[in-house]
Amino acid sequence: MISDIFSVKGKTVLITGAASGLGREMAIAFVENGTRQVLAIMAKQKYGKLITVASMFGIAAPAGLFPRPAYAASKGAVVNLARELAIQYALFNIQVNALCPGFFRTPARPRNAENAKLMAVY
């Protein structure tokens, strides 16, 4: 059925701001439609760990090396989301952390010798 394309039954949903307002209404709607809420489950059991993945560029901008304002902004948002969630859910014994890895070598990085030199001295 076409309605199955939009089904959320059995899916896991993470909603922030579910304590009031639009976030609460969204949380209620998702639960009514069959989702599981990770933070709600953790809060009920009074324990949990939530790990987000950001970047070192979420803490310090890469402008001096590789100017990427949208990337830095999005990774900064992940870091601040983790901070806010950590404060909001501390009373429920839920730990929230943001991993912010630095440079690491992969087949895609560095892309050329010049970038490798820049990364080495950064």
PDB file of N, CA and C in Angstrom:
ATOM      1  N   MET A   1       0.824  -1.188   0.000  1.00  0.00           N
ATOM      2  CA  MET A   1       0.000   0.000   0.000  1.00  0.00           C
ATOM      3  C   MET A   1       0.865   1.247   0.000  1.00  0.00           C
ATOM      4  N   ILE A   2       0.343   2.301  -0.585  1.00  0.00           N
ATOM      5  CA  ILE A   2       1.092   3.558  -0.638  1.00  0.00           C
ATOM      6  C   ILE A   2       1.307   4.137   0.758  1.00  0.00           C
ATOM      7  N   SER A   3       0.368   3.897   1.690  1.00  0.00           N
ATOM      8  CA  SER A   3       0.518   4.426   3.042  1.00  0.00           C
ATOM      9  C   SER A   3       1.707   3.800   3.772  1.00  0.00           C
ATOM     10  N   ASP A   4       2.133   2.611   3.365  1.00  0.00           N
ATOM     11  CA  ASP A   4       3.288   1.964   3.989  1.00  0.00           C
ATOM     12  C   ASP A   4       4.577   2.744   3.760  1.00  0.00           C
ATOM     13  N   ILE A   5       4.642   3.503   2.673  1.00  0.00           N
ATOM     14  CA  ILE A   5       5.835   4.300   2.383  1.00  0.00           C
ATOM     15  C   ILE A   5       6.088   5.305   3.501  1.00  0.00           C
ATOM     16  N   PHE A   6       5.005   5.823   4.082  1.00  0.00           N
ATOM     17  CA  PHE A   6       5.125   6.862   5.101  1.00  0.00           C
ATOM     18  C   PHE A   6       4.974   6.329   6.525  1.00  0.00           C
ATOM     19  N   SER A   7       4.933   5.031   6.673  1.00  0.00           N
ATOM     20  CA  SER A   7       4.746   4.428   7.983  1.00  0.00           C
ATOM     21  C   SER A   7       5.984   4.641   8.859  1.00  0.00           C
ATOM     22  N   VAL A   8       5.736   4.935  10.127  1.00  0.00           N
ATOM     23  CA  VAL A   8       6.822   5.070  11.098  1.00  0.00           C
ATOM     24  C   VAL A   8       6.738   3.977  12.163  1.00  0.00           C
ATOM     25  N   LYS A   9       5.848   3.042  11.992  1.00  0.00           N
ATOM     26  CA  LYS A   9       5.647   1.975  12.964  1.00  0.00           C
ATOM     27  C   LYS A   9       6.935   1.178  13.160  1.00  0.00           C
ATOM     28  N   GLY A  10       7.313   1.012  14.412  1.00  0.00           N
ATOM     29  CA  GLY A  10       8.505   0.251  14.751  1.00  0.00           C
ATOM     30  C   GLY A  10       9.816   1.003  14.575  1.00  0.00           C
ATOM     31  N   LYS A  11       9.777   2.244  14.122  1.00  0.00           N
ATOM     32  CA  LYS A  11      10.989   3.048  13.950  1.00  0.00           C
ATOM     33  C   LYS A  11      11.371   3.683  15.285  1.00  0.00           C
ATOM     34  N   THR A  12      12.626   4.059  15.410  1.00  0.00           N
ATOM     35  CA  THR A  12      13.104   4.750  16.598  1.00  0.00           C
ATOM     36  C   THR A  12      13.278   6.224  16.263  1.00  0.00           C
ATOM     37  N   VAL A  13      12.782   7.077  17.151  1.00  0.00           N
ATOM     38  CA  VAL A  13      12.794   8.518  16.896  1.00  0.00           C
ATOM     39  C   VAL A  13      13.473   9.224  18.052  1.00  0.00           C
ATOM     40  N   LEU A  14      14.319  10.178  17.750  1.00  0.00           N
ATOM     41  CA  LEU A  14      14.932  11.042  18.750  1.00  0.00           C
ATOM     42  C   LEU A  14      14.358  12.432  18.533  1.00  0.00           C
ATOM     43  N   ILE A  15      13.614  12.914  19.504  1.00  0.00           N
ATOM     44  CA  ILE A  15      13.009  14.239  19.406  1.00  0.00           C
ATOM     45  C   ILE A  15      13.533  15.071  20.564  1.00  0.00           C
ATOM     46  N   THR A  16      14.083  16.228  20.257  1.00  0.00           N
ATOM     47  CA  THR A  16      14.509  17.132  21.312  1.00  0.00           C
ATOM     48  C   THR A  16      13.408  18.162  21.522  1.00  0.00           C
ATOM     49  N   GLY A  17      13.349  18.714  22.690  1.00  0.00           N
ATOM     50  CA  GLY A  17      12.318  19.694  22.989  1.00  0.00           C
ATOM     51  C   GLY A  17      10.954  19.081  23.186  1.00  0.00           C
ATOM     52  N   ALA A  18      10.896  17.816  23.566  1.00  0.00           N
ATOM     53  CA  ALA A  18       9.617  17.119  23.705  1.00  0.00           C
ATOM     54  C   ALA A  18       8.905  17.435  25.014  1.00  0.00           C
ATOM     55  N   ALA A  19       9.470  18.297  25.830  1.00  0.00           N
ATOM     56  CA  ALA A  19       8.841  18.628  27.108  1.00  0.00           C
ATOM     57  C   ALA A  19       7.631  19.539  26.936  1.00  0.00           C
ATOM     58  N   SER A  20       7.623  20.350  25.876  1.00  0.00           N
ATOM     59  CA  SER A  20       6.498  21.272  25.688  1.00  0.00           C
ATOM     60  C   SER A  20       6.418  21.724  24.239  1.00  0.00           C
ATOM     61  N   GLY A  21       5.352  22.428  23.923  1.00  0.00           N
ATOM     62  CA  GLY A  21       5.189  23.047  22.611  1.00  0.00           C
ATOM     63  C   GLY A  21       5.152  22.070  21.455  1.00  0.00           C
ATOM     64  N   LEU A  22       5.704  22.510  20.334  1.00  0.00           N
ATOM     65  CA  LEU A  22       5.695  21.712  19.110  1.00  0.00           C
ATOM     66  C   LEU A  22       6.438  20.389  19.294  1.00  0.00           C
ATOM     67  N   GLY A  23       7.562  20.409  20.000  1.00  0.00           N
ATOM     68  CA  GLY A  23       8.309  19.176  20.239  1.00  0.00           C
ATOM     69  C   GLY A  23       7.473  18.133  20.955  1.00  0.00           C
ATOM     70  N   ARG A  24       6.696  18.567  21.946  1.00  0.00           N
ATOM     71  CA  ARG A  24       5.821  17.635  22.674  1.00  0.00           C
ATOM     72  C   ARG A  24       4.743  17.079  21.759  1.00  0.00           C
ATOM     73  N   GLU A  25       4.141  17.932  20.957  1.00  0.00           N
ATOM     74  CA  GLU A  25       3.094  17.480  20.041  1.00  0.00           C
ATOM     75  C   GLU A  25       3.643  16.485  19.021  1.00  0.00           C
ATOM     76  N   MET A  26       4.865  16.739  18.534  1.00  0.00           N
ATOM     77  CA  MET A  26       5.492  15.810  17.595  1.00  0.00           C
ATOM     78  C   MET A  26       5.777  14.473  18.281  1.00  0.00           C
ATOM     79  N   ALA A  27       6.264  14.534  19.523  1.00  0.00           N
ATOM     80  CA  ALA A  27       6.558  13.302  20.256  1.00  0.00           C
ATOM     81  C   ALA A  27       5.295  12.475  20.441  1.00  0.00           C
ATOM     82  N   ILE A  28       4.215  13.127  20.814  1.00  0.00           N
ATOM     83  CA  ILE A  28       2.941  12.424  21.005  1.00  0.00           C
ATOM     84  C   ILE A  28       2.485  11.791  19.693  1.00  0.00           C
ATOM     85  N   ALA A  29       2.568  12.555  18.608  1.00  0.00           N
ATOM     86  CA  ALA A  29       2.133  12.036  17.299  1.00  0.00           C
ATOM     87  C   ALA A  29       2.978  10.844  16.865  1.00  0.00           C
ATOM     88  N   PHE A  30       4.268  10.904  17.065  1.00  0.00           N
ATOM     89  CA  PHE A  30       5.120   9.777  16.680  1.00  0.00           C
ATOM     90  C   PHE A  30       4.796   8.534  17.502  1.00  0.00           C
ATOM     91  N   VAL A  31       4.612   8.697  18.812  1.00  0.00           N
ATOM     92  CA  VAL A  31       4.286   7.553  19.664  1.00  0.00           C
ATOM     93  C   VAL A  31       2.941   6.961  19.260  1.00  0.00           C
ATOM     94  N   GLU A  32       1.974   7.819  19.000  1.00  0.00           N
ATOM     95  CA  GLU A  32       0.652   7.332  18.581  1.00  0.00           C
ATOM     96  C   GLU A  32       0.712   6.556  17.265  1.00  0.00           C
ATOM     97  N   ASN A  33       1.741   6.832  16.475  1.00  0.00           N
ATOM     98  CA  ASN A  33       1.886   6.155  15.189  1.00  0.00           C
ATOM     99  C   ASN A  33       2.911   5.021  15.220  1.00  0.00           C
ATOM    100  N   GLY A  34       3.275   4.579  16.420  1.00  0.00           N
ATOM    101  CA  GLY A  34       4.052   3.350  16.542  1.00  0.00           C
ATOM    102  C   GLY A  34       5.551   3.471  16.659  1.00  0.00           C
ATOM    103  N   THR A  35       6.089   4.653  16.945  1.00  0.00           N
ATOM    104  CA  THR A  35       7.540   4.774  17.079  1.00  0.00           C
ATOM    105  C   THR A  35       7.979   4.506  18.513  1.00  0.00           C
ATOM    106  N   ARG A  36       9.283   4.274  18.667  1.00  0.00           N
ATOM    107  CA  ARG A  36       9.905   4.160  19.980  1.00  0.00           C
ATOM    108  C   ARG A  36      10.756   5.408  20.155  1.00  0.00           C
ATOM    109  N   GLN A  37      10.681   6.013  21.319  1.00  0.00           N
ATOM    110  CA  GLN A  37      11.487   7.200  21.574  1.00  0.00           C
ATOM    111  C   GLN A  37      12.659   6.840  22.478  1.00  0.00           C
ATOM    112  N   VAL A  38      13.830   7.003  21.960  1.00  0.00           N
ATOM    113  CA  VAL A  38      15.037   6.607  22.671  1.00  0.00           C
ATOM    114  C   VAL A  38      15.172   7.337  23.997  1.00  0.00           C
ATOM    115  N   LEU A  39      15.087   8.649  23.993  1.00  0.00           N
ATOM    116  CA  LEU A  39      15.285   9.389  25.233  1.00  0.00           C
ATOM    117  C   LEU A  39      14.170   9.139  26.237  1.00  0.00           C
ATOM    118  N   ALA A  40      12.966   8.928  25.754  1.00  0.00           N
ATOM    119  CA  ALA A  40      11.862   8.620  26.669  1.00  0.00           C
ATOM    120  C   ALA A  40      12.125   7.292  27.380  1.00  0.00           C
ATOM    121  N   ILE A  41      12.637   6.318  26.658  1.00  0.00           N
ATOM    122  CA  ILE A  41      12.956   5.015  27.250  1.00  0.00           C
ATOM    123  C   ILE A  41      14.083   5.169  28.265  1.00  0.00           C
ATOM    124  N   MET A  42      15.118   5.915  27.893  1.00  0.00           N
ATOM    125  CA  MET A  42      16.234   6.128  28.814  1.00  0.00           C
ATOM    126  C   MET A  42      15.776   6.867  30.074  1.00  0.00           C
ATOM    127  N   ALA A  43      14.941   7.886  29.901  1.00  0.00           N
ATOM    128  CA  ALA A  43      14.461   8.660  31.050  1.00  0.00           C
ATOM    129  C   ALA A  43      13.631   7.779  31.984  1.00  0.00           C
ATOM    130  N   LYS A  44      12.810   6.910  31.420  1.00  0.00           N
ATOM    131  CA  LYS A  44      11.972   6.021  32.223  1.00  0.00           C
ATOM    132  C   LYS A  44      12.825   5.049  33.038  1.00  0.00           C
ATOM    133  N   GLN A  45      13.902   4.542  32.430  1.00  0.00           N
ATOM    134  CA  GLN A  45      14.760   3.592  33.152  1.00  0.00           C
ATOM    135  C   GLN A  45      15.809   4.307  33.989  1.00  0.00           C
ATOM    136  N   LYS A  46      15.825   5.639  33.932  1.00  0.00           N
ATOM    137  CA  LYS A  46      16.757   6.470  34.711  1.00  0.00           C
ATOM    138  C   LYS A  46      18.218   6.162  34.427  1.00  0.00           C
ATOM    139  N   TYR A  47      18.516   5.863  33.161  1.00  0.00           N
ATOM    140  CA  TYR A  47      19.895   5.571  32.777  1.00  0.00           C
ATOM    141  C   TYR A  47      20.011   5.576  31.259  1.00  0.00           C
ATOM    142  N   GLY A  48      21.136   6.045  30.766  1.00  0.00           N
ATOM    143  CA  GLY A  48      21.384   5.951  29.338  1.00  0.00           C
ATOM    144  C   GLY A  48      22.612   6.729  28.924  1.00  0.00           C
ATOM    145  N   LYS A  49      23.062   6.436  27.738  1.00  0.00           N
ATOM    146  CA  LYS A  49      24.196   7.133  27.139  1.00  0.00           C
ATOM    147  C   LYS A  49      23.838   7.443  25.695  1.00  0.00           C
ATOM    148  N   LEU A  50      24.019   8.695  25.312  1.00  0.00           N
ATOM    149  CA  LEU A  50      23.758   9.136  23.955  1.00  0.00           C
ATOM    150  C   LEU A  50      25.048   9.756  23.423  1.00  0.00           C
ATOM    151  N   ILE A  51      25.522   9.257  22.303  1.00  0.00           N
ATOM    152  CA  ILE A  51      26.775   9.750  21.736  1.00  0.00           C
ATOM    153  C   ILE A  51      26.490  10.319  20.353  1.00  0.00           C
ATOM    154  N   THR A  52      26.876  11.573  20.156  1.00  0.00           N
ATOM    155  CA  THR A  52      26.777  12.191  18.840  1.00  0.00           C
ATOM    156  C   THR A  52      28.174  12.257  18.242  1.00  0.00           C
ATOM    157  N   VAL A  53      28.254  12.399  16.950  1.00  0.00           N
ATOM    158  CA  VAL A  53      29.554  12.509  16.285  1.00  0.00           C
ATOM    159  C   VAL A  53      29.616  13.844  15.571  1.00  0.00           C
ATOM    160  N   ALA A  54      30.572  14.650  15.971  1.00  0.00           N
ATOM    161  CA  ALA A  54      30.775  15.969  15.372  1.00  0.00           C
ATOM    162  C   ALA A  54      32.142  15.981  14.692  1.00  0.00           C
ATOM    163  N   SER A  55      32.946  16.959  15.000  1.00  0.00           N
ATOM    164  CA  SER A  55      34.278  17.114  14.423  1.00  0.00           C
ATOM    165  C   SER A  55      35.026  18.126  15.268  1.00  0.00           C
ATOM    166  N   MET A  56      36.345  18.102  15.190  1.00  0.00           N
ATOM    167  CA  MET A  56      37.108  19.144  15.874  1.00  0.00           C
ATOM    168  C   MET A  56      36.725  20.513  15.329  1.00  0.00           C
ATOM    169  N   PHE A  57      36.208  20.543  14.114  1.00  0.00           N
ATOM    170  CA  PHE A  57      35.794  21.804  13.519  1.00  0.00           C
ATOM    171  C   PHE A  57      34.439  22.267  14.034  1.00  0.00           C
ATOM    172  N   GLY A  58      33.823  21.503  14.902  1.00  0.00           N
ATOM    173  CA  GLY A  58      32.641  21.959  15.610  1.00  0.00           C
ATOM    174  C   GLY A  58      33.021  22.802  16.810  1.00  0.00           C
ATOM    175  N   ILE A  59      34.294  22.751  17.186  1.00  0.00           N
ATOM    176  CA  ILE A  59      34.806  23.507  18.330  1.00  0.00           C
ATOM    177  C   ILE A  59      35.664  24.679  17.858  1.00  0.00           C
ATOM    178  N   ALA A  60      36.470  24.463  16.843  1.00  0.00           N
ATOM    179  CA  ALA A  60      37.334  25.503  16.273  1.00  0.00           C
ATOM    180  C   ALA A  60      37.178  25.471  14.755  1.00  0.00           C
ATOM    181  N   ALA A  61      36.895  26.597  14.184  1.00  0.00           N
ATOM    182  CA  ALA A  61      36.625  26.668  12.744  1.00  0.00           C
ATOM    183  C   ALA A  61      37.851  26.302  11.907  1.00  0.00           C
ATOM    184  N   PRO A  62      37.626  25.681  10.742  1.00  0.00           N
ATOM    185  CA  PRO A  62      38.725  25.274   9.875  1.00  0.00           C
ATOM    186  C   PRO A  62      39.195  26.364   8.913  1.00  0.00           C
ATOM    187  N   ALA A  63      38.787  27.603   9.116  1.00  0.00           N
ATOM    188  CA  ALA A  63      39.026  28.665   8.129  1.00  0.00           C
ATOM    189  C   ALA A  63      40.490  28.825   7.741  1.00  0.00           C
ATOM    190  N   GLY A  64      41.399  28.627   8.697  1.00  0.00           N
ATOM    191  CA  GLY A  64      42.809  28.796   8.387  1.00  0.00           C
ATOM    192  C   GLY A  64      43.369  27.699   7.500  1.00  0.00           C
ATOM    193  N   LEU A  65      42.679  26.591   7.408  1.00  0.00           N
ATOM    194  CA  LEU A  65      43.165  25.451   6.654  1.00  0.00           C
ATOM    195  C   LEU A  65      42.273  25.131   5.460  1.00  0.00           C
ATOM    196  N   PHE A  66      41.048  24.820   5.735  1.00  0.00           N
ATOM    197  CA  PHE A  66      40.077  24.479   4.688  1.00  0.00           C
ATOM    198  C   PHE A  66      38.785  25.227   4.984  1.00  0.00           C
ATOM    199  N   PRO A  67      38.590  26.393   4.435  1.00  0.00           N
ATOM    200  CA  PRO A  67      37.365  27.147   4.742  1.00  0.00           C
ATOM    201  C   PRO A  67      36.113  26.355   4.336  1.00  0.00           C
ATOM    202  N   ARG A  68      35.338  25.982   5.321  1.00  0.00           N
ATOM    203  CA  ARG A  68      34.102  25.235   5.110  1.00  0.00           C
ATOM    204  C   ARG A  68      33.059  25.752   6.111  1.00  0.00           C
ATOM    205  N   PRO A  69      32.494  26.939   5.888  1.00  0.00           N
ATOM    206  CA  PRO A  69      31.592  27.521   6.894  1.00  0.00           C
ATOM    207  C   PRO A  69      30.366  26.670   7.190  1.00  0.00           C
ATOM    208  N   ALA A  70      29.745  26.077   6.196  1.00  0.00           N
ATOM    209  CA  ALA A  70      28.555  25.261   6.444  1.00  0.00           C
ATOM    210  C   ALA A  70      28.915  24.015   7.241  1.00  0.00           C
ATOM    211  N   TYR A  71      30.049  23.392   6.934  1.00  0.00           N
ATOM    212  CA  TYR A  71      30.498  22.209   7.661  1.00  0.00           C
ATOM    213  C   TYR A  71      30.768  22.562   9.119  1.00  0.00           C
ATOM    214  N   ALA A  72      31.503  23.647   9.348  1.00  0.00           N
ATOM    215  CA  ALA A  72      31.826  24.063  10.711  1.00  0.00           C
ATOM    216  C   ALA A  72      30.554  24.399  11.492  1.00  0.00           C
ATOM    217  N   ALA A  73      29.611  25.071  10.846  1.00  0.00           N
ATOM    218  CA  ALA A  73      28.359  25.424  11.515  1.00  0.00           C
ATOM    219  C   ALA A  73      27.559  24.181  11.887  1.00  0.00           C
ATOM    220  N   SER A  74      27.489  23.220  10.983  1.00  0.00           N
ATOM    221  CA  SER A  74      26.704  22.019  11.275  1.00  0.00           C
ATOM    222  C   SER A  74      27.355  21.189  12.381  1.00  0.00           C
ATOM    223  N   LYS A  75      28.675  21.105  12.393  1.00  0.00           N
ATOM    224  CA  LYS A  75      29.355  20.349  13.441  1.00  0.00           C
ATOM    225  C   LYS A  75      29.276  21.084  14.775  1.00  0.00           C
ATOM    226  N   GLY A  76      29.312  22.419  14.735  1.00  0.00           N
ATOM    227  CA  GLY A  76      29.109  23.212  15.949  1.00  0.00           C
ATOM    228  C   GLY A  76      27.714  22.999  16.515  1.00  0.00           C
ATOM    229  N   ALA A  77      26.736  22.853  15.634  1.00  0.00           N
ATOM    230  CA  ALA A  77      25.364  22.589  16.075  1.00  0.00           C
ATOM    231  C   ALA A  77      25.272  21.239  16.782  1.00  0.00           C
ATOM    232  N   VAL A  78      25.980  20.241  16.281  1.00  0.00           N
ATOM    233  CA  VAL A  78      25.975  18.923  16.918  1.00  0.00           C
ATOM    234  C   VAL A  78      26.598  19.009  18.312  1.00  0.00           C
ATOM    235  N   VAL A  79      27.686  19.738  18.443  1.00  0.00           N
ATOM    236  CA  VAL A  79      28.343  19.911  19.740  1.00  0.00           C
ATOM    237  C   VAL A  79      27.390  20.590  20.721  1.00  0.00           C
ATOM    238  N   ASN A  80      26.745  21.662  20.284  1.00  0.00           N
ATOM    239  CA  ASN A  80      25.833  22.378  21.176  1.00  0.00           C
ATOM    240  C   ASN A  80      24.568  21.578  21.471  1.00  0.00           C
ATOM    241  N   LEU A  81      24.108  20.775  20.538  1.00  0.00           N
ATOM    242  CA  LEU A  81      22.980  19.884  20.807  1.00  0.00           C
ATOM    243  C   LEU A  81      23.353  18.922  21.928  1.00  0.00           C
ATOM    244  N   ALA A  82      24.544  18.358  21.857  1.00  0.00           N
ATOM    245  CA  ALA A  82      24.994  17.433  22.911  1.00  0.00           C
ATOM    246  C   ALA A  82      25.064  18.149  24.255  1.00  0.00           C
ATOM    247  N   ARG A  83      25.557  19.382  24.269  1.00  0.00           N
ATOM    248  CA  ARG A  83      25.633  20.138  25.523  1.00  0.00           C
ATOM    249  C   ARG A  83      24.238  20.356  26.113  1.00  0.00           C
ATOM    250  N   GLU A  84      23.316  20.798  25.286  1.00  0.00           N
ATOM    251  CA  GLU A  84      21.959  21.060  25.751  1.00  0.00           C
ATOM    252  C   GLU A  84      21.279  19.788  26.244  1.00  0.00           C
ATOM    253  N   LEU A  85      21.417  18.697  25.484  1.00  0.00           N
ATOM    254  CA  LEU A  85      20.812  17.434  25.902  1.00  0.00           C
ATOM    255  C   LEU A  85      21.424  16.937  27.208  1.00  0.00           C
ATOM    256  N   ALA A  86      22.720  17.132  27.371  1.00  0.00           N
ATOM    257  CA  ALA A  86      23.389  16.704  28.600  1.00  0.00           C
ATOM    258  C   ALA A  86      22.805  17.430  29.807  1.00  0.00           C
ATOM    259  N   ILE A  87      22.555  18.717  29.666  1.00  0.00           N
ATOM    260  CA  ILE A  87      21.971  19.491  30.766  1.00  0.00           C
ATOM    261  C   ILE A  87      20.520  19.069  30.993  1.00  0.00           C
ATOM    262  N   GLN A  88      19.770  18.941  29.909  1.00  0.00           N
ATOM    263  CA  GLN A  88      18.354  18.633  30.000  1.00  0.00           C
ATOM    264  C   GLN A  88      18.092  17.263  30.621  1.00  0.00           C
ATOM    265  N   TYR A  89      18.943  16.282  30.332  1.00  0.00           N
ATOM    266  CA  TYR A  89      18.698  14.913  30.778  1.00  0.00           C
ATOM    267  C   TYR A  89      19.601  14.447  31.911  1.00  0.00           C
ATOM    268  N   ALA A  90      20.390  15.337  32.484  1.00  0.00           N
ATOM    269  CA  ALA A  90      21.270  14.958  33.602  1.00  0.00           C
ATOM    270  C   ALA A  90      20.478  14.427  34.791  1.00  0.00           C
ATOM    271  N   LEU A  91      19.323  14.987  35.062  1.00  0.00           N
ATOM    272  CA  LEU A  91      18.508  14.533  36.189  1.00  0.00           C
ATOM    273  C   LEU A  91      17.995  13.103  36.005  1.00  0.00           C
ATOM    274  N   PHE A  92      18.024  12.619  34.761  1.00  0.00           N
ATOM    275  CA  PHE A  92      17.592  11.257  34.470  1.00  0.00           C
ATOM    276  C   PHE A  92      18.773  10.292  34.382  1.00  0.00           C
ATOM    277  N   ASN A  93      19.964  10.768  34.781  1.00  0.00           N
ATOM    278  CA  ASN A  93      21.182   9.960  34.728  1.00  0.00           C
ATOM    279  C   ASN A  93      21.504   9.507  33.301  1.00  0.00           C
ATOM    280  N   ILE A  94      21.222  10.396  32.340  1.00  0.00           N
ATOM    281  CA  ILE A  94      21.547  10.123  30.937  1.00  0.00           C
ATOM    282  C   ILE A  94      22.769  10.962  30.584  1.00  0.00           C
ATOM    283  N   GLN A  95      23.813  10.305  30.160  1.00  0.00           N
ATOM    284  CA  GLN A  95      25.033  10.994  29.748  1.00  0.00           C
ATOM    285  C   GLN A  95      24.992  11.245  28.253  1.00  0.00           C
ATOM    286  N   VAL A  96      25.324  12.466  27.866  1.00  0.00           N
ATOM    287  CA  VAL A  96      25.341  12.832  26.455  1.00  0.00           C
ATOM    288  C   VAL A  96      26.713  13.404  26.134  1.00  0.00           C
ATOM    289  N   ASN A  97      27.332  12.879  25.094  1.00  0.00           N
ATOM    290  CA  ASN A  97      28.667  13.327  24.690  1.00  0.00           C
ATOM    291  C   ASN A  97      28.725  13.522  23.190  1.00  0.00           C
ATOM    292  N   ALA A  98      29.619  14.403  22.790  1.00  0.00           N
ATOM    293  CA  ALA A  98      29.899  14.609  21.364  1.00  0.00           C
ATOM    294  C   ALA A  98      31.336  14.180  21.105  1.00  0.00           C
ATOM    295  N   LEU A  99      31.525  13.229  20.223  1.00  0.00           N
ATOM    296  CA  LEU A  99      32.867  12.864  19.780  1.00  0.00           C
ATOM    297  C   LEU A  99      33.292  13.888  18.736  1.00  0.00           C
ATOM    298  N   CYS A 100      34.477  14.433  18.887  1.00  0.00           N
ATOM    299  CA  CYS A 100      34.971  15.460  17.970  1.00  0.00           C
ATOM    300  C   CYS A 100      36.338  15.048  17.435  1.00  0.00           C
ATOM    301  N   PRO A 101      36.355  14.079  16.531  1.00  0.00           N
ATOM    302  CA  PRO A 101      37.656  13.611  16.031  1.00  0.00           C
ATOM    303  C   PRO A 101      38.376  14.675  15.226  1.00  0.00           C
ATOM    304  N   GLY A 102      39.678  14.550  15.231  1.00  0.00           N
ATOM    305  CA  GLY A 102      40.511  15.436  14.422  1.00  0.00           C
ATOM    306  C   GLY A 102      40.845  14.778  13.097  1.00  0.00           C
ATOM    307  N   PHE A 103      42.013  15.095  12.576  1.00  0.00           N
ATOM    308  CA  PHE A 103      42.428  14.514  11.303  1.00  0.00           C
ATOM    309  C   PHE A 103      42.688  13.020  11.452  1.00  0.00           C
ATOM    310  N   PHE A 104      42.327  12.296  10.472  1.00  0.00           N
ATOM    311  CA  PHE A 104      42.682  10.883  10.403  1.00  0.00           C
ATOM    312  C   PHE A 104      42.781  10.518   8.936  1.00  0.00           C
ATOM    313  N   ARG A 105      43.664   9.607   8.665  1.00  0.00           N
ATOM    314  CA  ARG A 105      43.904   9.228   7.274  1.00  0.00           C
ATOM    315  C   ARG A 105      42.904   8.177   6.809  1.00  0.00           C
ATOM    316  N   THR A 106      42.352   8.466   5.663  1.00  0.00           N
ATOM    317  CA  THR A 106      41.480   7.523   4.966  1.00  0.00           C
ATOM    318  C   THR A 106      41.895   7.571   3.502  1.00  0.00           C
ATOM    319  N   PRO A 107      41.371   6.693   2.682  1.00  0.00           N
ATOM    320  CA  PRO A 107      41.704   6.776   1.253  1.00  0.00           C
ATOM    321  C   PRO A 107      41.330   8.119   0.625  1.00  0.00           C
ATOM    322  N   ALA A 108      40.352   8.810   1.225  1.00  0.00           N
ATOM    323  CA  ALA A 108      39.919  10.095   0.666  1.00  0.00           C
ATOM    324  C   ALA A 108      40.670  11.291   1.243  1.00  0.00           C
ATOM    325  N   ARG A 109      41.404  11.095   2.352  1.00  0.00           N
ATOM    326  CA  ARG A 109      42.093  12.212   2.999  1.00  0.00           C
ATOM    327  C   ARG A 109      43.540  11.857   3.273  1.00  0.00           C
ATOM    328  N   PRO A 110      44.503  12.674   3.085  1.00  0.00           N
ATOM    329  CA  PRO A 110      44.386  13.898   2.309  1.00  0.00           C
ATOM    330  C   PRO A 110      44.277  13.586   0.820  1.00  0.00           C
ATOM    331  N   ARG A 111      43.676  14.468   0.098  1.00  0.00           N
ATOM    332  CA  ARG A 111      43.415  14.208  -1.317  1.00  0.00           C
ATOM    333  C   ARG A 111      44.635  14.415  -2.205  1.00  0.00           C
ATOM    334  N   ASN A 112      45.579  15.209  -1.727  1.00  0.00           N
ATOM    335  CA  ASN A 112      46.786  15.422  -2.527  1.00  0.00           C
ATOM    336  C   ASN A 112      47.954  15.767  -1.595  1.00  0.00           C
ATOM    337  N   ALA A 113      49.144  15.824  -2.169  1.00  0.00           N
ATOM    338  CA  ALA A 113      50.350  16.056  -1.363  1.00  0.00           C
ATOM    339  C   ALA A 113      50.326  17.420  -0.679  1.00  0.00           C
ATOM    340  N   GLU A 114      49.823  18.427  -1.367  1.00  0.00           N
ATOM    341  CA  GLU A 114      49.761  19.780  -0.769  1.00  0.00           C
ATOM    342  C   GLU A 114      48.866  19.777   0.468  1.00  0.00           C
ATOM    343  N   ASN A 115      47.702  19.143   0.388  1.00  0.00           N
ATOM    344  CA  ASN A 115      46.811  19.061   1.548  1.00  0.00           C
ATOM    345  C   ASN A 115      47.458  18.269   2.671  1.00  0.00           C
ATOM    346  N   ALA A 116      48.192  17.240   2.346  1.00  0.00           N
ATOM    347  CA  ALA A 116      48.879  16.439   3.372  1.00  0.00           C
ATOM    348  C   ALA A 116      49.876  17.303   4.142  1.00  0.00           C
ATOM    349  N   LYS A 117      50.617  18.159   3.450  1.00  0.00           N
ATOM    350  CA  LYS A 117      51.559  19.063   4.119  1.00  0.00           C
ATOM    351  C   LYS A 117      50.837  20.051   5.024  1.00  0.00           C
ATOM    352  N   LEU A 118      49.728  20.613   4.537  1.00  0.00           N
ATOM    353  CA  LEU A 118      48.944  21.550   5.343  1.00  0.00           C
ATOM    354  C   LEU A 118      48.410  20.879   6.606  1.00  0.00           C
ATOM    355  N   MET A 119      47.914  19.672   6.460  1.00  0.00           N
ATOM    356  CA  MET A 119      47.371  18.956   7.602  1.00  0.00           C
ATOM    357  C   MET A 119      48.455  18.643   8.631  1.00  0.00           C
ATOM    358  N   ALA A 120      49.653  18.375   8.170  1.00  0.00           N
ATOM    359  CA  ALA A 120      50.750  18.008   9.064  1.00  0.00           C
ATOM    360  C   ALA A 120      51.165  19.162   9.961  1.00  0.00           C
ATOM    361  N   VAL A 121      51.051  20.391   9.477  1.00  0.00           N
ATOM    362  CA  VAL A 121      51.483  21.543  10.282  1.00  0.00           C
ATOM    363  C   VAL A 121      50.344  22.253  10.988  1.00  0.00           C
ATOM    364  N   TYR A 122      49.124  21.858  10.745  1.00  0.00           N
ATOM    365  CA  TYR A 122      47.968  22.549  11.324  1.00  0.00           C
ATOM    366  C   TYR A 122      47.859  22.305  12.800  1.00  0.00           C
TER     367      TYR A 122
END
